[in-house]
Amino acid sequence: MKFQMLFIISLMAIFTTSAVADTVVLMDEQKLKGKVISIDNKYALFELGGQQLKLERTKIKSITFEHESVENLLEYGK
């Protein structure tokens, strides 16, 4: 019973985390789900699984922001 409850809570945490992720689609159609930290003229800084990736903007096809992330960008300027 205790293990079953822990398993259910773990699944909920996984699905909740992925539900608020930004999506970056690279030119090779690879999709990355995580959090966009910052964007400038040359790079996008993206957090994926606790690691930060510096992606060249020329290699990015599109970025889809989740609503919560967009609100954070507007509010905090990050």
PDB file of N, CA and C in Angstrom:
ATOM      1  N   MET A   1       0.831  -1.195   0.000  1.00  0.00           N
ATOM      2  CA  MET A   1       0.000   0.000   0.000  1.00  0.00           C
ATOM      3  C   MET A   1       0.879   1.264   0.000  1.00  0.00           C
ATOM      4  N   LYS A   2       1.876   1.286   0.874  1.00  0.00           N
ATOM      5  CA  LYS A   2       2.762   2.440   0.969  1.00  0.00           C
ATOM      6  C   LYS A   2       3.542   2.621  -0.339  1.00  0.00           C
ATOM      7  N   PHE A   3       4.036   1.522  -0.914  1.00  0.00           N
ATOM      8  CA  PHE A   3       4.770   1.565  -2.177  1.00  0.00           C
ATOM      9  C   PHE A   3       3.862   2.057  -3.301  1.00  0.00           C
ATOM     10  N   GLN A   4       2.621   1.594  -3.305  1.00  0.00           N
ATOM     11  CA  GLN A   4       1.672   1.992  -4.350  1.00  0.00           C
ATOM     12  C   GLN A   4       1.417   3.505  -4.295  1.00  0.00           C
ATOM     13  N   MET A   5       1.269   4.062  -3.115  1.00  0.00           N
ATOM     14  CA  MET A   5       1.039   5.498  -2.959  1.00  0.00           C
ATOM     15  C   MET A   5       2.267   6.282  -3.421  1.00  0.00           C
ATOM     16  N   LEU A   6       3.457   5.816  -3.069  1.00  0.00           N
ATOM     17  CA  LEU A   6       4.694   6.469  -3.497  1.00  0.00           C
ATOM     18  C   LEU A   6       4.815   6.437  -5.021  1.00  0.00           C
ATOM     19  N   PHE A   7       4.448   5.321  -5.638  1.00  0.00           N
ATOM     20  CA  PHE A   7       4.483   5.184  -7.093  1.00  0.00           C
ATOM     21  C   PHE A   7       3.527   6.182  -7.746  1.00  0.00           C
ATOM     22  N   ILE A   8       2.333   6.312  -7.226  1.00  0.00           N
ATOM     23  CA  ILE A   8       1.341   7.243  -7.782  1.00  0.00           C
ATOM     24  C   ILE A   8       1.821   8.683  -7.646  1.00  0.00           C
ATOM     25  N   ILE A   9       2.376   9.037  -6.504  1.00  0.00           N
ATOM     26  CA  ILE A   9       2.897  10.395  -6.298  1.00  0.00           C
ATOM     27  C   ILE A   9       4.051  10.669  -7.255  1.00  0.00           C
ATOM     28  N   SER A  10       4.919   9.680  -7.464  1.00  0.00           N
ATOM     29  CA  SER A  10       6.033   9.844  -8.406  1.00  0.00           C
ATOM     30  C   SER A  10       5.529  10.085  -9.821  1.00  0.00           C
ATOM     31  N   LEU A  11       4.533   9.328 -10.250  1.00  0.00           N
ATOM     32  CA  LEU A  11       3.956   9.529 -11.582  1.00  0.00           C
ATOM     33  C   LEU A  11       3.348  10.918 -11.721  1.00  0.00           C
ATOM     34  N   MET A  12       2.652  11.363 -10.689  1.00  0.00           N
ATOM     35  CA  MET A  12       2.048  12.699 -10.733  1.00  0.00           C
ATOM     36  C   MET A  12       3.131  13.764 -10.863  1.00  0.00           C
ATOM     37  N   ALA A  13       4.228  13.611 -10.154  1.00  0.00           N
ATOM     38  CA  ALA A  13       5.323  14.584 -10.225  1.00  0.00           C
ATOM     39  C   ALA A  13       5.928  14.617 -11.617  1.00  0.00           C
ATOM     40  N   ILE A  14       6.092  13.464 -12.228  1.00  0.00           N
ATOM     41  CA  ILE A  14       6.655  13.403 -13.579  1.00  0.00           C
ATOM     42  C   ILE A  14       5.742  14.105 -14.567  1.00  0.00           C
ATOM     43  N   PHE A  15       4.447  13.812 -14.525  1.00  0.00           N
ATOM     44  CA  PHE A  15       3.527  14.411 -15.482  1.00  0.00           C
ATOM     45  C   PHE A  15       3.306  15.891 -15.215  1.00  0.00           C
ATOM     46  N   THR A  16       3.348  16.302 -13.964  1.00  0.00           N
ATOM     47  CA  THR A  16       3.205  17.719 -13.645  1.00  0.00           C
ATOM     48  C   THR A  16       4.401  18.501 -14.165  1.00  0.00           C
ATOM     49  N   THR A  17       5.592  17.974 -14.002  1.00  0.00           N
ATOM     50  CA  THR A  17       6.796  18.645 -14.473  1.00  0.00           C
ATOM     51  C   THR A  17       6.776  18.804 -15.979  1.00  0.00           C
ATOM     52  N   SER A  18       6.411  17.749 -16.699  1.00  0.00           N
ATOM     53  CA  SER A  18       6.420  17.835 -18.151  1.00  0.00           C
ATOM     54  C   SER A  18       5.287  18.704 -18.669  1.00  0.00           C
ATOM     55  N   ALA A  19       4.248  18.915 -17.873  1.00  0.00           N
ATOM     56  CA  ALA A  19       3.118  19.718 -18.326  1.00  0.00           C
ATOM     57  C   ALA A  19       3.456  21.206 -18.388  1.00  0.00           C
ATOM     58  N   VAL A  20       4.477  21.652 -17.666  1.00  0.00           N
ATOM     59  CA  VAL A  20       4.819  23.072 -17.673  1.00  0.00           C
ATOM     60  C   VAL A  20       6.156  23.333 -18.369  1.00  0.00           C
ATOM     61  N   ALA A  21       6.534  22.445 -19.267  1.00  0.00           N
ATOM     62  CA  ALA A  21       7.824  22.581 -19.940  1.00  0.00           C
ATOM     63  C   ALA A  21       7.710  23.389 -21.225  1.00  0.00           C
ATOM     64  N   ASP A  22       8.744  24.189 -21.498  1.00  0.00           N
ATOM     65  CA  ASP A  22       8.883  24.845 -22.794  1.00  0.00           C
ATOM     66  C   ASP A  22       9.392  23.782 -23.768  1.00  0.00           C
ATOM     67  N   THR A  23       9.108  23.960 -25.043  1.00  0.00           N
ATOM     68  CA  THR A  23       9.563  23.011 -26.058  1.00  0.00           C
ATOM     69  C   THR A  23      10.407  23.732 -27.090  1.00  0.00           C
ATOM     70  N   VAL A  24      11.613  23.239 -27.302  1.00  0.00           N
ATOM     71  CA  VAL A  24      12.498  23.745 -28.346  1.00  0.00           C
ATOM     72  C   VAL A  24      12.569  22.670 -29.427  1.00  0.00           C
ATOM     73  N   VAL A  25      12.297  23.062 -30.675  1.00  0.00           N
ATOM     74  CA  VAL A  25      12.435  22.150 -31.807  1.00  0.00           C
ATOM     75  C   VAL A  25      13.666  22.594 -32.587  1.00  0.00           C
ATOM     76  N   LEU A  26      14.607  21.671 -32.735  1.00  0.00           N
ATOM     77  CA  LEU A  26      15.830  21.969 -33.468  1.00  0.00           C
ATOM     78  C   LEU A  26      15.605  21.777 -34.967  1.00  0.00           C
ATOM     79  N   MET A  27      16.516  22.274 -35.773  1.00  0.00           N
ATOM     80  CA  MET A  27      16.404  22.169 -37.229  1.00  0.00           C
ATOM     81  C   MET A  27      16.323  20.720 -37.705  1.00  0.00           C
ATOM     82  N   ASP A  28      16.906  19.785 -36.944  1.00  0.00           N
ATOM     83  CA  ASP A  28      16.845  18.369 -37.325  1.00  0.00           C
ATOM     84  C   ASP A  28      15.585  17.685 -36.789  1.00  0.00           C
ATOM     85  N   GLU A  29      14.606  18.497 -36.330  1.00  0.00           N
ATOM     86  CA  GLU A  29      13.303  18.048 -35.811  1.00  0.00           C
ATOM     87  C   GLU A  29      13.379  17.419 -34.419  1.00  0.00           C
ATOM     88  N   GLN A  30      14.529  17.437 -33.781  1.00  0.00           N
ATOM     89  CA  GLN A  30      14.637  16.932 -32.418  1.00  0.00           C
ATOM     90  C   GLN A  30      13.894  17.885 -31.494  1.00  0.00           C
ATOM     91  N   LYS A  31      13.070  17.339 -30.578  1.00  0.00           N
ATOM     92  CA  LYS A  31      12.307  18.156 -29.632  1.00  0.00           C
ATOM     93  C   LYS A  31      12.905  18.022 -28.242  1.00  0.00           C
ATOM     94  N   LEU A  32      13.114  19.166 -27.603  1.00  0.00           N
ATOM     95  CA  LEU A  32      13.636  19.212 -26.243  1.00  0.00           C
ATOM     96  C   LEU A  32      12.594  19.872 -25.357  1.00  0.00           C
ATOM     97  N   LYS A  33      12.274  19.245 -24.222  1.00  0.00           N
ATOM     98  CA  LYS A  33      11.329  19.828 -23.274  1.00  0.00           C
ATOM     99  C   LYS A  33      12.081  20.188 -22.008  1.00  0.00           C
ATOM    100  N   GLY A  34      11.953  21.429 -21.610  1.00  0.00           N
ATOM    101  CA  GLY A  34      12.633  21.918 -20.420  1.00  0.00           C
ATOM    102  C   GLY A  34      12.213  23.345 -20.155  1.00  0.00           C
ATOM    103  N   LYS A  35      13.177  24.195 -19.798  1.00  0.00           N
ATOM    104  CA  LYS A  35      12.861  25.587 -19.481  1.00  0.00           C
ATOM    105  C   LYS A  35      13.845  26.512 -20.180  1.00  0.00           C
ATOM    106  N   VAL A  36      13.309  27.468 -20.922  1.00  0.00           N
ATOM    107  CA  VAL A  36      14.153  28.484 -21.540  1.00  0.00           C
ATOM    108  C   VAL A  36      14.545  29.475 -20.453  1.00  0.00           C
ATOM    109  N   ILE A  37      15.847  29.641 -20.245  1.00  0.00           N
ATOM    110  CA  ILE A  37      16.360  30.543 -19.214  1.00  0.00           C
ATOM    111  C   ILE A  37      16.549  31.945 -19.784  1.00  0.00           C
ATOM    112  N   SER A  38      17.161  32.022 -20.964  1.00  0.00           N
ATOM    113  CA  SER A  38      17.384  33.326 -21.598  1.00  0.00           C
ATOM    114  C   SER A  38      17.596  33.131 -23.097  1.00  0.00           C
ATOM    115  N   ILE A  39      17.389  34.226 -23.823  1.00  0.00           N
ATOM    116  CA  ILE A  39      17.607  34.234 -25.270  1.00  0.00           C
ATOM    117  C   ILE A  39      18.276  35.554 -25.626  1.00  0.00           C
ATOM    118  N   ASP A  40      19.330  35.484 -26.455  1.00  0.00           N
ATOM    119  CA  ASP A  40      19.924  36.706 -26.992  1.00  0.00           C
ATOM    120  C   ASP A  40      20.050  36.547 -28.505  1.00  0.00           C
ATOM    121  N   ASN A  41      20.811  37.408 -29.147  1.00  0.00           N
ATOM    122  CA  ASN A  41      20.913  37.380 -30.608  1.00  0.00           C
ATOM    123  C   ASN A  41      21.549  36.108 -31.154  1.00  0.00           C
ATOM    124  N   LYS A  42      22.421  35.470 -30.379  1.00  0.00           N
ATOM    125  CA  LYS A  42      23.150  34.305 -30.886  1.00  0.00           C
ATOM    126  C   LYS A  42      22.755  32.983 -30.241  1.00  0.00           C
ATOM    127  N   TYR A  43      22.337  33.024 -28.968  1.00  0.00           N
ATOM    128  CA  TYR A  43      22.118  31.792 -28.222  1.00  0.00           C
ATOM    129  C   TYR A  43      20.811  31.810 -27.437  1.00  0.00           C
ATOM    130  N   ALA A  44      20.333  30.591 -27.156  1.00  0.00           N
ATOM    131  CA  ALA A  44      19.246  30.390 -26.202  1.00  0.00           C
ATOM    132  C   ALA A  44      19.807  29.486 -25.106  1.00  0.00           C
ATOM    133  N   LEU A  45      19.646  29.901 -23.866  1.00  0.00           N
ATOM    134  CA  LEU A  45      20.088  29.093 -22.733  1.00  0.00           C
ATOM    135  C   LEU A  45      18.881  28.296 -22.263  1.00  0.00           C
ATOM    136  N   PHE A  46      19.027  26.976 -22.251  1.00  0.00           N
ATOM    137  CA  PHE A  46      17.912  26.068 -22.025  1.00  0.00           C
ATOM    138  C   PHE A  46      18.281  25.096 -20.920  1.00  0.00           C
ATOM    139  N   GLU A  47      17.383  24.905 -19.951  1.00  0.00           N
ATOM    140  CA  GLU A  47      17.625  23.957 -18.868  1.00  0.00           C
ATOM    141  C   GLU A  47      16.865  22.674 -19.154  1.00  0.00           C
ATOM    142  N   LEU A  48      17.597  21.575 -19.156  1.00  0.00           N
ATOM    143  CA  LEU A  48      17.022  20.275 -19.482  1.00  0.00           C
ATOM    144  C   LEU A  48      17.548  19.249 -18.489  1.00  0.00           C
ATOM    145  N   GLY A  49      16.668  18.717 -17.660  1.00  0.00           N
ATOM    146  CA  GLY A  49      17.082  17.702 -16.690  1.00  0.00           C
ATOM    147  C   GLY A  49      18.147  18.165 -15.723  1.00  0.00           C
ATOM    148  N   GLY A  50      18.085  19.416 -15.306  1.00  0.00           N
ATOM    149  CA  GLY A  50      19.062  19.955 -14.370  1.00  0.00           C
ATOM    150  C   GLY A  50      20.353  20.441 -15.019  1.00  0.00           C
ATOM    151  N   GLN A  51      20.502  20.230 -16.304  1.00  0.00           N
ATOM    152  CA  GLN A  51      21.684  20.680 -17.048  1.00  0.00           C
ATOM    153  C   GLN A  51      21.321  21.891 -17.897  1.00  0.00           C
ATOM    154  N   GLN A  52      22.225  22.839 -18.018  1.00  0.00           N
ATOM    155  CA  GLN A  52      21.986  23.992 -18.887  1.00  0.00           C
ATOM    156  C   GLN A  52      22.687  23.781 -20.223  1.00  0.00           C
ATOM    157  N   LEU A  53      21.930  23.978 -21.300  1.00  0.00           N
ATOM    158  CA  LEU A  53      22.459  23.848 -22.653  1.00  0.00           C
ATOM    159  C   LEU A  53      22.480  25.212 -23.311  1.00  0.00           C
ATOM    160  N   LYS A  54      23.575  25.538 -23.967  1.00  0.00           N
ATOM    161  CA  LYS A  54      23.683  26.779 -24.726  1.00  0.00           C
ATOM    162  C   LYS A  54      23.473  26.406 -26.190  1.00  0.00           C
ATOM    163  N   LEU A  55      22.301  26.753 -26.730  1.00  0.00           N
ATOM    164  CA  LEU A  55      21.933  26.370 -28.090  1.00  0.00           C
ATOM    165  C   LEU A  55      22.105  27.549 -29.036  1.00  0.00           C
ATOM    166  N   GLU A  56      22.762  27.320 -30.167  1.00  0.00           N
ATOM    167  CA  GLU A  56      22.878  28.365 -31.179  1.00  0.00           C
ATOM    168  C   GLU A  56      21.499  28.602 -31.789  1.00  0.00           C
ATOM    169  N   ARG A  57      21.115  29.858 -31.912  1.00  0.00           N
ATOM    170  CA  ARG A  57      19.788  30.164 -32.453  1.00  0.00           C
ATOM    171  C   ARG A  57      19.636  29.707 -33.891  1.00  0.00           C
ATOM    172  N   THR A  58      20.724  29.643 -34.641  1.00  0.00           N
ATOM    173  CA  THR A  58      20.644  29.181 -36.030  1.00  0.00           C
ATOM    174  C   THR A  58      20.276  27.700 -36.117  1.00  0.00           C
ATOM    175  N   LYS A  59      20.420  26.959 -35.010  1.00  0.00           N
ATOM    176  CA  LYS A  59      20.082  25.533 -34.977  1.00  0.00           C
ATOM    177  C   LYS A  59      18.676  25.293 -34.431  1.00  0.00           C
ATOM    178  N   ILE A  60      17.975  26.377 -34.039  1.00  0.00           N
ATOM    179  CA  ILE A  60      16.636  26.264 -33.464  1.00  0.00           C
ATOM    180  C   ILE A  60      15.596  26.597 -34.524  1.00  0.00           C
ATOM    181  N   LYS A  61      14.668  25.667 -34.713  1.00  0.00           N
ATOM    182  CA  LYS A  61      13.574  25.880 -35.661  1.00  0.00           C
ATOM    183  C   LYS A  61      12.440  26.663 -35.003  1.00  0.00           C
ATOM    184  N   SER A  62      12.069  26.267 -33.772  1.00  0.00           N
ATOM    185  CA  SER A  62      10.992  26.966 -33.070  1.00  0.00           C
ATOM    186  C   SER A  62      11.104  26.754 -31.566  1.00  0.00           C
ATOM    187  N   ILE A  63      10.452  27.662 -30.827  1.00  0.00           N
ATOM    188  CA  ILE A  63      10.346  27.553 -29.375  1.00  0.00           C
ATOM    189  C   ILE A  63       8.890  27.783 -29.014  1.00  0.00           C
ATOM    190  N   THR A  64       8.333  26.858 -28.249  1.00  0.00           N
ATOM    191  CA  THR A  64       6.970  27.008 -27.750  1.00  0.00           C
ATOM    192  C   THR A  64       7.050  27.187 -26.241  1.00  0.00           C
ATOM    193  N   PHE A  65       6.535  28.314 -25.768  1.00  0.00           N
ATOM    194  CA  PHE A  65       6.555  28.611 -24.341  1.00  0.00           C
ATOM    195  C   PHE A  65       5.236  28.202 -23.711  1.00  0.00           C
ATOM    196  N   GLU A  66       5.325  27.603 -22.528  1.00  0.00           N
ATOM    197  CA  GLU A  66       4.123  27.351 -21.742  1.00  0.00           C
ATOM    198  C   GLU A  66       3.731  28.656 -21.064  1.00  0.00           C
ATOM    199  N   HIS A  67       2.474  28.804 -20.757  1.00  0.00           N
ATOM    200  CA  HIS A  67       1.960  30.062 -20.210  1.00  0.00           C
ATOM    201  C   HIS A  67       2.683  30.506 -18.948  1.00  0.00           C
ATOM    202  N   GLU A  68       2.941  29.592 -18.042  1.00  0.00           N
ATOM    203  CA  GLU A  68       3.610  29.960 -16.793  1.00  0.00           C
ATOM    204  C   GLU A  68       4.989  30.542 -17.074  1.00  0.00           C
ATOM    205  N   SER A  69       5.726  29.948 -17.996  1.00  0.00           N
ATOM    206  CA  SER A  69       7.066  30.435 -18.324  1.00  0.00           C
ATOM    207  C   SER A  69       7.031  31.818 -18.944  1.00  0.00           C
ATOM    208  N   VAL A  70       6.049  32.063 -19.816  1.00  0.00           N
ATOM    209  CA  VAL A  70       5.919  33.374 -20.445  1.00  0.00           C
ATOM    210  C   VAL A  70       5.622  34.427 -19.390  1.00  0.00           C
ATOM    211  N   GLU A  71       4.752  34.101 -18.449  1.00  0.00           N
ATOM    212  CA  GLU A  71       4.453  35.045 -17.372  1.00  0.00           C
ATOM    213  C   GLU A  71       5.713  35.350 -16.571  1.00  0.00           C
ATOM    214  N   ASN A  72       6.516  34.334 -16.289  1.00  0.00           N
ATOM    215  CA  ASN A  72       7.764  34.555 -15.553  1.00  0.00           C
ATOM    216  C   ASN A  72       8.717  35.433 -16.344  1.00  0.00           C
ATOM    217  N   LEU A  73       8.823  35.204 -17.650  1.00  0.00           N
ATOM    218  CA  LEU A  73       9.696  36.032 -18.481  1.00  0.00           C
ATOM    219  C   LEU A  73       9.257  37.486 -18.457  1.00  0.00           C
ATOM    220  N   LEU A  74       7.966  37.720 -18.546  1.00  0.00           N
ATOM    221  CA  LEU A  74       7.453  39.090 -18.548  1.00  0.00           C
ATOM    222  C   LEU A  74       7.624  39.751 -17.186  1.00  0.00           C
ATOM    223  N   GLU A  75       7.354  38.988 -16.127  1.00  0.00           N
ATOM    224  CA  GLU A  75       7.407  39.558 -14.784  1.00  0.00           C
ATOM    225  C   GLU A  75       8.838  39.821 -14.322  1.00  0.00           C
ATOM    226  N   TYR A  76       9.738  38.879 -14.577  1.00  0.00           N
ATOM    227  CA  TYR A  76      11.084  38.978 -14.029  1.00  0.00           C
ATOM    228  C   TYR A  76      12.136  39.359 -15.056  1.00  0.00           C
ATOM    229  N   GLY A  77      11.763  39.435 -16.319  1.00  0.00           N
ATOM    230  CA  GLY A  77      12.707  39.823 -17.358  1.00  0.00           C
ATOM    231  C   GLY A  77      13.804  38.809 -17.594  1.00  0.00           C
ATOM    232  N   LYS A  78      13.529  37.531 -17.313  1.00  0.00           N
ATOM    233  CA  LYS A  78      14.537  36.473 -17.492  1.00  0.00           C
ATOM    234  C   LYS A  78      14.237  35.698 -18.740  1.00  0.00           C
TER     235      LYS A  78
END
